[in-house]
Amino acid sequence: MKIKLLNWGLLLFLCLGTGCTSFHHEWRKASRSPAPTDSYLGRWEGEWLSAKNGHHGKLRCLLGEDSSSTQFRAHFRATYASVLHFSYAAALTGAVTNGVVQFTGESDLGKLGGGVYKYSGSANATHFSCTYESKYDHGTFQMSRSK
């Protein structure tokens, strides 16, 4: 019984501690505006895939500009093993050329989340493609514009 309570407690902590509520609020707010047809900013949906072990899951992202046109904030919500969900933000730096942003960045997900993840990718008005790498894993994010 203690073990089950501990597992549920850990799951609740991960969900609350990683911004699930914040992500849902931002996602719904962004859905009220039509998806931009000429911008890489906004809502994205797709999948993450680990090249190391084949694990994969659903992925959503809200991509927005931070303080300038070269600083971005990506707020991700990922599904793992079809039932676990976690959200986190990553600071990205990029350059825009002909409507395509090329970016790099990183996010520290903490010891339980796998440590520091580094990102490199690009996005245009219809496709978001990114690689990720950490001490324990590496893989890809592939997303399309969310409706």
C-alpha atoms as a PDB file:
ATOM      1  CA  MET A   1       0.000   0.000   0.000  1.00  0.00           C
ATOM      2  CA  LYS A   2       2.818   2.435   0.879  1.00  0.00           C
ATOM      3  CA  ILE A   3       4.498   1.730  -2.448  1.00  0.00           C
ATOM      4  CA  LYS A   4       1.312   2.452  -4.410  1.00  0.00           C
ATOM      5  CA  LEU A   5       0.800   5.718  -2.509  1.00  0.00           C
ATOM      6  CA  LEU A   6       4.430   6.645  -3.117  1.00  0.00           C
ATOM      7  CA  ASN A   7       4.048   5.968  -6.868  1.00  0.00           C
ATOM      8  CA  TRP A   8       0.863   8.066  -7.067  1.00  0.00           C
ATOM      9  CA  GLY A   9       2.520  10.791  -5.010  1.00  0.00           C
ATOM     10  CA  LEU A  10       5.510  10.834  -7.357  1.00  0.00           C
ATOM     11  CA  LEU A  11       3.227  10.953 -10.394  1.00  0.00           C
ATOM     12  CA  LEU A  12       1.243  13.841  -8.897  1.00  0.00           C
ATOM     13  CA  PHE A  13       4.461  15.694  -8.049  1.00  0.00           C
ATOM     14  CA  LEU A  14       5.799  15.241 -11.584  1.00  0.00           C
ATOM     15  CA  CYS A  15       2.583  16.529 -13.109  1.00  0.00           C
ATOM     16  CA  LEU A  16       2.187  19.500 -10.790  1.00  0.00           C
ATOM     17  CA  GLY A  17       5.893  20.223 -10.558  1.00  0.00           C
ATOM     18  CA  THR A  18       6.388  20.310 -14.290  1.00  0.00           C
ATOM     19  CA  GLY A  19       3.723  22.800 -15.269  1.00  0.00           C
ATOM     20  CA  CYS A  20       0.872  20.667 -16.645  1.00  0.00           C
ATOM     21  CA  THR A  21      -1.742  23.218 -15.586  1.00  0.00           C
ATOM     22  CA  SER A  22       0.278  26.102 -16.986  1.00  0.00           C
ATOM     23  CA  PHE A  23       0.680  24.354 -20.326  1.00  0.00           C
ATOM     24  CA  HIS A  24      -3.047  23.564 -20.643  1.00  0.00           C
ATOM     25  CA  HIS A  25      -3.929  27.173 -19.854  1.00  0.00           C
ATOM     26  CA  GLU A  26      -1.491  28.510 -22.487  1.00  0.00           C
ATOM     27  CA  TRP A  27      -2.628  25.898 -25.057  1.00  0.00           C
ATOM     28  CA  ARG A  28      -6.308  26.818 -24.682  1.00  0.00           C
ATOM     29  CA  LYS A  29      -5.510  30.532 -24.789  1.00  0.00           C
ATOM     30  CA  ALA A  30      -3.500  30.102 -28.010  1.00  0.00           C
ATOM     31  CA  SER A  31      -6.350  28.089 -29.583  1.00  0.00           C
ATOM     32  CA  ARG A  32      -8.579  31.165 -29.519  1.00  0.00           C
ATOM     33  CA  SER A  33      -6.471  32.788 -32.233  1.00  0.00           C
ATOM     34  CA  PRO A  34      -6.254  31.339 -35.729  1.00  0.00           C
ATOM     35  CA  ALA A  35      -3.015  29.494 -36.494  1.00  0.00           C
ATOM     36  CA  PRO A  36      -0.645  31.820 -38.347  1.00  0.00           C
ATOM     37  CA  THR A  37      -0.158  30.815 -41.967  1.00  0.00           C
ATOM     38  CA  ASP A  38       3.116  32.683 -42.432  1.00  0.00           C
ATOM     39  CA  SER A  39       4.886  32.206 -39.095  1.00  0.00           C
ATOM     40  CA  TYR A  40       6.693  29.536 -37.120  1.00  0.00           C
ATOM     41  CA  LEU A  41       5.203  30.862 -33.847  1.00  0.00           C
ATOM     42  CA  GLY A  42       2.204  29.223 -32.203  1.00  0.00           C
ATOM     43  CA  ARG A  43       0.869  25.728 -31.522  1.00  0.00           C
ATOM     44  CA  TRP A  44       2.520  22.525 -32.757  1.00  0.00           C
ATOM     45  CA  GLU A  45       1.591  18.826 -32.441  1.00  0.00           C
ATOM     46  CA  GLY A  46       3.435  15.664 -33.318  1.00  0.00           C
ATOM     47  CA  GLU A  47       5.688  13.038 -31.830  1.00  0.00           C
ATOM     48  CA  TRP A  48       9.014  12.598 -30.065  1.00  0.00           C
ATOM     49  CA  LEU A  49      11.146   9.526 -30.796  1.00  0.00           C
ATOM     50  CA  SER A  50      14.182   8.261 -28.909  1.00  0.00           C
ATOM     51  CA  ALA A  51      16.912   7.013 -31.251  1.00  0.00           C
ATOM     52  CA  LYS A  52      18.545   5.259 -28.301  1.00  0.00           C
ATOM     53  CA  ASN A  53      15.742   2.963 -27.169  1.00  0.00           C
ATOM     54  CA  GLY A  54      12.799   3.491 -29.549  1.00  0.00           C
ATOM     55  CA  HIS A  55      10.532   5.014 -26.910  1.00  0.00           C
ATOM     56  CA  HIS A  56       8.125   7.561 -28.374  1.00  0.00           C
ATOM     57  CA  GLY A  57       5.026   9.539 -27.578  1.00  0.00           C
ATOM     58  CA  LYS A  58       2.795  12.452 -28.399  1.00  0.00           C
ATOM     59  CA  LEU A  59       4.292  15.919 -28.251  1.00  0.00           C
ATOM     60  CA  ARG A  60       2.811  19.405 -28.202  1.00  0.00           C
ATOM     61  CA  CYS A  61       4.683  22.690 -28.246  1.00  0.00           C
ATOM     62  CA  LEU A  62       3.866  26.357 -27.889  1.00  0.00           C
ATOM     63  CA  LEU A  63       6.570  28.376 -29.613  1.00  0.00           C
ATOM     64  CA  GLY A  64       6.784  32.065 -28.859  1.00  0.00           C
ATOM     65  CA  GLU A  65       9.260  34.926 -29.030  1.00  0.00           C
ATOM     66  CA  ASP A  66      10.888  36.017 -25.807  1.00  0.00           C
ATOM     67  CA  SER A  67      12.669  39.343 -25.613  1.00  0.00           C
ATOM     68  CA  SER A  68      13.690  39.634 -29.277  1.00  0.00           C
ATOM     69  CA  SER A  69      13.312  38.030 -32.673  1.00  0.00           C
ATOM     70  CA  THR A  70      16.328  35.809 -31.900  1.00  0.00           C
ATOM     71  CA  GLN A  71      15.169  34.572 -28.467  1.00  0.00           C
ATOM     72  CA  PHE A  72      12.374  32.021 -28.292  1.00  0.00           C
ATOM     73  CA  ARG A  73      10.536  30.064 -25.626  1.00  0.00           C
ATOM     74  CA  ALA A  74       9.344  26.572 -26.417  1.00  0.00           C
ATOM     75  CA  HIS A  75       6.865  25.144 -23.905  1.00  0.00           C
ATOM     76  CA  PHE A  76       6.625  21.377 -24.482  1.00  0.00           C
ATOM     77  CA  ARG A  77       4.121  18.803 -23.250  1.00  0.00           C
ATOM     78  CA  ALA A  78       5.146  15.215 -23.870  1.00  0.00           C
ATOM     79  CA  THR A  79       3.488  11.849 -23.299  1.00  0.00           C
ATOM     80  CA  TYR A  80       5.565   8.888 -22.185  1.00  0.00           C
ATOM     81  CA  ALA A  81       4.329   5.276 -22.123  1.00  0.00           C
ATOM     82  CA  SER A  82       0.863   6.515 -23.210  1.00  0.00           C
ATOM     83  CA  VAL A  83      -0.073   7.583 -19.662  1.00  0.00           C
ATOM     84  CA  LEU A  84       2.627   9.809 -18.183  1.00  0.00           C
ATOM     85  CA  HIS A  85       2.608  13.478 -19.166  1.00  0.00           C
ATOM     86  CA  PHE A  86       5.167  16.143 -18.387  1.00  0.00           C
ATOM     87  CA  SER A  87       5.648  19.752 -19.402  1.00  0.00           C
ATOM     88  CA  TYR A  88       8.750  21.897 -19.481  1.00  0.00           C
ATOM     89  CA  ALA A  89      10.098  25.032 -21.136  1.00  0.00           C
ATOM     90  CA  ALA A  90      13.260  25.451 -23.175  1.00  0.00           C
ATOM     91  CA  ALA A  91      15.044  28.678 -24.041  1.00  0.00           C
ATOM     92  CA  LEU A  92      16.016  28.744 -27.721  1.00  0.00           C
ATOM     93  CA  THR A  93      18.213  31.102 -29.699  1.00  0.00           C
ATOM     94  CA  GLY A  94      17.823  31.339 -33.436  1.00  0.00           C
ATOM     95  CA  ALA A  95      18.008  33.233 -36.647  1.00  0.00           C
ATOM     96  CA  VAL A  96      15.194  33.705 -39.137  1.00  0.00           C
ATOM     97  CA  THR A  97      15.863  33.518 -42.863  1.00  0.00           C
ATOM     98  CA  ASN A  98      13.095  33.478 -45.483  1.00  0.00           C
ATOM     99  CA  GLY A  99      10.422  32.520 -42.940  1.00  0.00           C
ATOM    100  CA  VAL A 100      12.432  29.648 -41.439  1.00  0.00           C
ATOM    101  CA  VAL A 101      13.908  29.823 -37.953  1.00  0.00           C
ATOM    102  CA  GLN A 102      17.041  27.781 -37.229  1.00  0.00           C
ATOM    103  CA  PHE A 103      17.477  27.376 -33.481  1.00  0.00           C
ATOM    104  CA  THR A 104      19.556  25.830 -30.719  1.00  0.00           C
ATOM    105  CA  GLY A 105      18.954  25.739 -27.002  1.00  0.00           C
ATOM    106  CA  GLU A 106      18.840  23.718 -23.849  1.00  0.00           C
ATOM    107  CA  SER A 107      16.751  22.926 -20.805  1.00  0.00           C
ATOM    108  CA  ASP A 108      17.674  21.346 -17.476  1.00  0.00           C
ATOM    109  CA  LEU A 109      14.944  18.840 -16.611  1.00  0.00           C
ATOM    110  CA  GLY A 110      16.554  17.927 -13.302  1.00  0.00           C
ATOM    111  CA  LYS A 111      18.018  14.651 -12.182  1.00  0.00           C
ATOM    112  CA  LEU A 112      14.711  12.728 -12.383  1.00  0.00           C
ATOM    113  CA  GLY A 113      14.038  14.126 -15.878  1.00  0.00           C
ATOM    114  CA  GLY A 114      17.406  13.122 -17.344  1.00  0.00           C
ATOM    115  CA  GLY A 115      19.438  16.277 -16.721  1.00  0.00           C
ATOM    116  CA  VAL A 116      20.336  18.843 -19.371  1.00  0.00           C
ATOM    117  CA  TYR A 117      18.824  18.406 -22.833  1.00  0.00           C
ATOM    118  CA  LYS A 118      20.284  20.226 -25.844  1.00  0.00           C
ATOM    119  CA  TYR A 119      18.175  21.057 -28.883  1.00  0.00           C
ATOM    120  CA  SER A 120      18.902  21.933 -32.498  1.00  0.00           C
ATOM    121  CA  GLY A 121      16.322  22.359 -35.209  1.00  0.00           C
ATOM    122  CA  SER A 122      14.189  24.474 -37.476  1.00  0.00           C
ATOM    123  CA  ALA A 123      10.602  25.549 -37.965  1.00  0.00           C
ATOM    124  CA  ASN A 124       8.646  27.212 -40.732  1.00  0.00           C
ATOM    125  CA  ALA A 125       4.928  27.915 -41.114  1.00  0.00           C
ATOM    126  CA  THR A 126       3.985  24.215 -41.405  1.00  0.00           C
ATOM    127  CA  HIS A 127       6.729  21.993 -39.944  1.00  0.00           C
ATOM    128  CA  PHE A 128       8.811  21.874 -36.749  1.00  0.00           C
ATOM    129  CA  SER A 129      11.795  19.525 -36.731  1.00  0.00           C
ATOM    130  CA  CYS A 130      14.297  19.175 -33.917  1.00  0.00           C
ATOM    131  CA  THR A 131      16.940  16.846 -32.516  1.00  0.00           C
ATOM    132  CA  TYR A 132      17.550  16.480 -28.807  1.00  0.00           C
ATOM    133  CA  GLU A 133      20.463  15.080 -26.853  1.00  0.00           C
ATOM    134  CA  SER A 134      21.150  14.432 -23.179  1.00  0.00           C
ATOM    135  CA  LYS A 135      23.551  12.316 -21.166  1.00  0.00           C
ATOM    136  CA  TYR A 136      21.114   9.391 -21.270  1.00  0.00           C
ATOM    137  CA  ASP A 137      19.111   9.813 -24.481  1.00  0.00           C
ATOM    138  CA  HIS A 138      18.951  11.367 -27.946  1.00  0.00           C
ATOM    139  CA  GLY A 139      16.291  11.538 -30.621  1.00  0.00           C
ATOM    140  CA  THR A 140      13.941  13.727 -32.623  1.00  0.00           C
ATOM    141  CA  PHE A 141      10.836  15.883 -32.390  1.00  0.00           C
ATOM    142  CA  GLN A 142       8.638  16.076 -35.497  1.00  0.00           C
ATOM    143  CA  MET A 143       5.572  18.307 -35.403  1.00  0.00           C
ATOM    144  CA  SER A 144       3.053  19.959 -37.699  1.00  0.00           C
ATOM    145  CA  ARG A 145       0.955  23.043 -37.185  1.00  0.00           C
ATOM    146  CA  SER A 146      -1.899  22.427 -34.733  1.00  0.00           C
ATOM    147  CA  LYS A 147      -5.334  23.498 -35.826  1.00  0.00           C
END
